[in-house]
Amino acid sequence: MAEISREQLLHVADLARLELREDELERLGAQLNDIIAAVSKVSELDLSEVPPTSHPLDVVNVWGEDEPRDSLPVDDALANAPEREGNFFRVPAGSVGGEAADARPDVRRASAPGAGGSE
């Protein structure tokens, strides 16, 4: 049975941008090795007669038909908005268009879904 090494654990933690203390490394290493041991039990089974599958159950198209319908009413779309201005969300400057946020109190408009971009 393969076990995860300390170097592998440190590498994965680095990829995930996790800073782990020594006690966390030991605990997580032990937990991951327990998981690897449990999953490796599958290799003990004779699966030669089992066809490769991408899903254990037959999957049918679970999507509904793609039919046009009315969009969400503007009042419903904006019902939980912290602030609104007419048919628009009211958002702080810098939160739209990828600009850096700043402390200015002015706002920009972002269209509400289904608002068509006009009031």
C-alpha atoms as a PDB file:
ATOM      1  CA  MET A   1       0.000   0.000   0.000  1.00  0.00           C
ATOM      2  CA  ALA A   2       1.330   3.425  -0.968  1.00  0.00           C
ATOM      3  CA  GLU A   3       1.478   6.136   1.646  1.00  0.00           C
ATOM      4  CA  ILE A   4       1.705   9.869   1.191  1.00  0.00           C
ATOM      5  CA  SER A   5       5.134  11.154   2.114  1.00  0.00           C
ATOM      6  CA  ARG A   6       5.829  14.286   4.101  1.00  0.00           C
ATOM      7  CA  GLU A   7       7.273  15.888   0.946  1.00  0.00           C
ATOM      8  CA  GLN A   8       4.114  15.086  -1.020  1.00  0.00           C
ATOM      9  CA  LEU A   9       1.948  16.475   1.770  1.00  0.00           C
ATOM     10  CA  LEU A  10       4.017  19.679   1.886  1.00  0.00           C
ATOM     11  CA  HIS A  11       3.797  19.960  -1.909  1.00  0.00           C
ATOM     12  CA  VAL A  12      -0.004  19.616  -1.893  1.00  0.00           C
ATOM     13  CA  ALA A  13      -0.279  22.104   0.977  1.00  0.00           C
ATOM     14  CA  ASP A  14       1.881  24.532  -1.010  1.00  0.00           C
ATOM     15  CA  LEU A  15      -0.311  24.110  -4.113  1.00  0.00           C
ATOM     16  CA  ALA A  16      -3.381  24.778  -1.976  1.00  0.00           C
ATOM     17  CA  ARG A  17      -1.602  27.738  -0.367  1.00  0.00           C
ATOM     18  CA  LEU A  18      -2.039  26.239   3.091  1.00  0.00           C
ATOM     19  CA  GLU A  19       0.335  26.985   5.898  1.00  0.00           C
ATOM     20  CA  LEU A  20       0.311  23.941   8.154  1.00  0.00           C
ATOM     21  CA  ARG A  21       1.835  23.653  11.602  1.00  0.00           C
ATOM     22  CA  GLU A  22       3.816  20.559  12.503  1.00  0.00           C
ATOM     23  CA  ASP A  23       0.926  19.029  14.452  1.00  0.00           C
ATOM     24  CA  GLU A  24      -1.413  19.638  11.498  1.00  0.00           C
ATOM     25  CA  LEU A  25       1.051  17.986   9.114  1.00  0.00           C
ATOM     26  CA  GLU A  26       1.172  14.895  11.310  1.00  0.00           C
ATOM     27  CA  ARG A  27      -2.608  14.719  11.760  1.00  0.00           C
ATOM     28  CA  LEU A  28      -3.427  15.350   8.088  1.00  0.00           C
ATOM     29  CA  GLY A  29      -0.738  12.935   6.952  1.00  0.00           C
ATOM     30  CA  ALA A  30      -2.237  10.194   9.122  1.00  0.00           C
ATOM     31  CA  GLN A  31      -5.768  10.992   7.912  1.00  0.00           C
ATOM     32  CA  LEU A  32      -4.723  10.965   4.251  1.00  0.00           C
ATOM     33  CA  ASN A  33      -2.913   7.666   4.717  1.00  0.00           C
ATOM     34  CA  ASP A  34      -6.077   6.199   6.280  1.00  0.00           C
ATOM     35  CA  ILE A  35      -8.057   7.368   3.230  1.00  0.00           C
ATOM     36  CA  ILE A  36      -5.482   5.894   0.851  1.00  0.00           C
ATOM     37  CA  ALA A  37      -5.633   2.592   2.752  1.00  0.00           C
ATOM     38  CA  ALA A  38      -9.427   2.490   2.538  1.00  0.00           C
ATOM     39  CA  VAL A  39      -9.482   3.310  -1.179  1.00  0.00           C
ATOM     40  CA  SER A  40      -6.713   0.803  -1.923  1.00  0.00           C
ATOM     41  CA  LYS A  41      -9.064  -1.981  -0.777  1.00  0.00           C
ATOM     42  CA  VAL A  42     -10.669  -1.692  -4.224  1.00  0.00           C
ATOM     43  CA  SER A  43      -7.468  -3.029  -5.794  1.00  0.00           C
ATOM     44  CA  GLU A  44      -8.036  -6.302  -3.922  1.00  0.00           C
ATOM     45  CA  LEU A  45     -11.271  -6.938  -5.832  1.00  0.00           C
ATOM     46  CA  ASP A  46     -11.491  -8.929  -9.075  1.00  0.00           C
ATOM     47  CA  LEU A  47     -12.965  -6.365 -11.437  1.00  0.00           C
ATOM     48  CA  SER A  48     -11.998  -8.113 -14.678  1.00  0.00           C
ATOM     49  CA  GLU A  49     -15.664  -8.719 -15.568  1.00  0.00           C
ATOM     50  CA  VAL A  50     -16.772  -5.180 -14.705  1.00  0.00           C
ATOM     51  CA  PRO A  51     -16.908  -2.877 -17.732  1.00  0.00           C
ATOM     52  CA  PRO A  52     -15.322   0.563 -17.374  1.00  0.00           C
ATOM     53  CA  THR A  53     -17.896   3.189 -16.535  1.00  0.00           C
ATOM     54  CA  SER A  54     -17.935   6.910 -16.038  1.00  0.00           C
ATOM     55  CA  HIS A  55     -20.924   6.720 -13.704  1.00  0.00           C
ATOM     56  CA  PRO A  56     -22.214   3.837 -11.570  1.00  0.00           C
ATOM     57  CA  LEU A  57     -25.845   4.414 -12.605  1.00  0.00           C
ATOM     58  CA  ASP A  58     -27.469   4.918 -15.973  1.00  0.00           C
ATOM     59  CA  VAL A  59     -27.728   8.631 -16.525  1.00  0.00           C
ATOM     60  CA  VAL A  60     -30.440  10.129 -18.653  1.00  0.00           C
ATOM     61  CA  ASN A  61     -30.730  13.729 -19.680  1.00  0.00           C
ATOM     62  CA  VAL A  62     -31.874  15.471 -16.530  1.00  0.00           C
ATOM     63  CA  TRP A  63     -32.192  18.884 -18.144  1.00  0.00           C
ATOM     64  CA  GLY A  64     -35.594  20.290 -18.895  1.00  0.00           C
ATOM     65  CA  GLU A  65     -36.490  21.490 -22.339  1.00  0.00           C
ATOM     66  CA  ASP A  66     -34.893  24.779 -23.293  1.00  0.00           C
ATOM     67  CA  GLU A  67     -37.988  26.861 -23.882  1.00  0.00           C
ATOM     68  CA  PRO A  68     -38.163  30.657 -23.879  1.00  0.00           C
ATOM     69  CA  ARG A  69     -40.063  32.171 -20.996  1.00  0.00           C
ATOM     70  CA  ASP A  70     -40.452  35.531 -19.317  1.00  0.00           C
ATOM     71  CA  SER A  71     -37.512  36.658 -17.224  1.00  0.00           C
ATOM     72  CA  LEU A  72     -37.690  37.367 -13.523  1.00  0.00           C
ATOM     73  CA  PRO A  73     -39.650  40.559 -12.806  1.00  0.00           C
ATOM     74  CA  VAL A  74     -37.379  43.472 -11.864  1.00  0.00           C
ATOM     75  CA  ASP A  75     -39.029  43.921  -8.449  1.00  0.00           C
ATOM     76  CA  ASP A  76     -38.364  40.244  -7.648  1.00  0.00           C
ATOM     77  CA  ALA A  77     -34.765  40.461  -8.896  1.00  0.00           C
ATOM     78  CA  LEU A  78     -34.117  43.515  -6.730  1.00  0.00           C
ATOM     79  CA  ALA A  79     -36.136  42.368  -3.713  1.00  0.00           C
ATOM     80  CA  ASN A  80     -33.050  41.511  -1.623  1.00  0.00           C
ATOM     81  CA  ALA A  81     -30.757  44.217  -2.973  1.00  0.00           C
ATOM     82  CA  PRO A  82     -29.242  46.283  -0.171  1.00  0.00           C
ATOM     83  CA  GLU A  83     -29.741  49.402  -2.281  1.00  0.00           C
ATOM     84  CA  ARG A  84     -31.478  50.093  -5.556  1.00  0.00           C
ATOM     85  CA  GLU A  85     -31.967  53.037  -7.812  1.00  0.00           C
ATOM     86  CA  GLY A  86     -35.050  52.670  -9.985  1.00  0.00           C
ATOM     87  CA  ASN A  87     -34.713  49.428 -11.935  1.00  0.00           C
ATOM     88  CA  PHE A  88     -31.018  49.065 -11.118  1.00  0.00           C
ATOM     89  CA  PHE A  89     -28.805  47.707  -8.356  1.00  0.00           C
ATOM     90  CA  ARG A  90     -26.986  50.524  -6.607  1.00  0.00           C
ATOM     91  CA  VAL A  91     -23.350  49.461  -6.140  1.00  0.00           C
ATOM     92  CA  PRO A  92     -20.254  51.239  -4.827  1.00  0.00           C
ATOM     93  CA  ALA A  93     -17.806  52.652  -7.359  1.00  0.00           C
ATOM     94  CA  GLY A  94     -15.081  50.210  -8.217  1.00  0.00           C
ATOM     95  CA  SER A  95     -17.263  47.107  -7.902  1.00  0.00           C
ATOM     96  CA  VAL A  96     -18.171  47.139 -11.607  1.00  0.00           C
ATOM     97  CA  GLY A  97     -15.831  46.840 -14.574  1.00  0.00           C
ATOM     98  CA  GLY A  98     -12.774  45.538 -12.724  1.00  0.00           C
ATOM     99  CA  GLU A  99     -11.664  48.955 -11.518  1.00  0.00           C
ATOM    100  CA  ALA A 100      -9.933  49.247  -8.168  1.00  0.00           C
ATOM    101  CA  ALA A 101     -12.340  49.998  -5.344  1.00  0.00           C
ATOM    102  CA  ASP A 102     -11.837  53.295  -3.615  1.00  0.00           C
ATOM    103  CA  ALA A 103     -13.397  55.266  -0.781  1.00  0.00           C
ATOM    104  CA  ARG A 104     -15.356  57.672  -2.971  1.00  0.00           C
ATOM    105  CA  PRO A 105     -19.047  57.753  -2.085  1.00  0.00           C
ATOM    106  CA  ASP A 106     -20.265  57.958  -5.714  1.00  0.00           C
ATOM    107  CA  VAL A 107     -22.002  54.948  -7.268  1.00  0.00           C
ATOM    108  CA  ARG A 108     -22.247  53.275 -10.651  1.00  0.00           C
ATOM    109  CA  ARG A 109     -25.251  51.541 -12.096  1.00  0.00           C
ATOM    110  CA  ALA A 110     -25.421  47.865 -12.927  1.00  0.00           C
ATOM    111  CA  SER A 111     -28.506  46.634 -14.758  1.00  0.00           C
ATOM    112  CA  ALA A 112     -30.808  44.328 -12.881  1.00  0.00           C
ATOM    113  CA  PRO A 113     -31.550  40.990 -14.578  1.00  0.00           C
ATOM    114  CA  GLY A 114     -34.397  41.435 -17.008  1.00  0.00           C
ATOM    115  CA  ALA A 115     -34.273  45.213 -16.697  1.00  0.00           C
ATOM    116  CA  GLY A 116     -33.147  45.685 -20.278  1.00  0.00           C
ATOM    117  CA  GLY A 117     -30.620  48.332 -19.254  1.00  0.00           C
ATOM    118  CA  SER A 118     -33.133  51.189 -19.085  1.00  0.00           C
ATOM    119  CA  GLU A 119     -35.544  52.561 -16.547  1.00  0.00           C
END
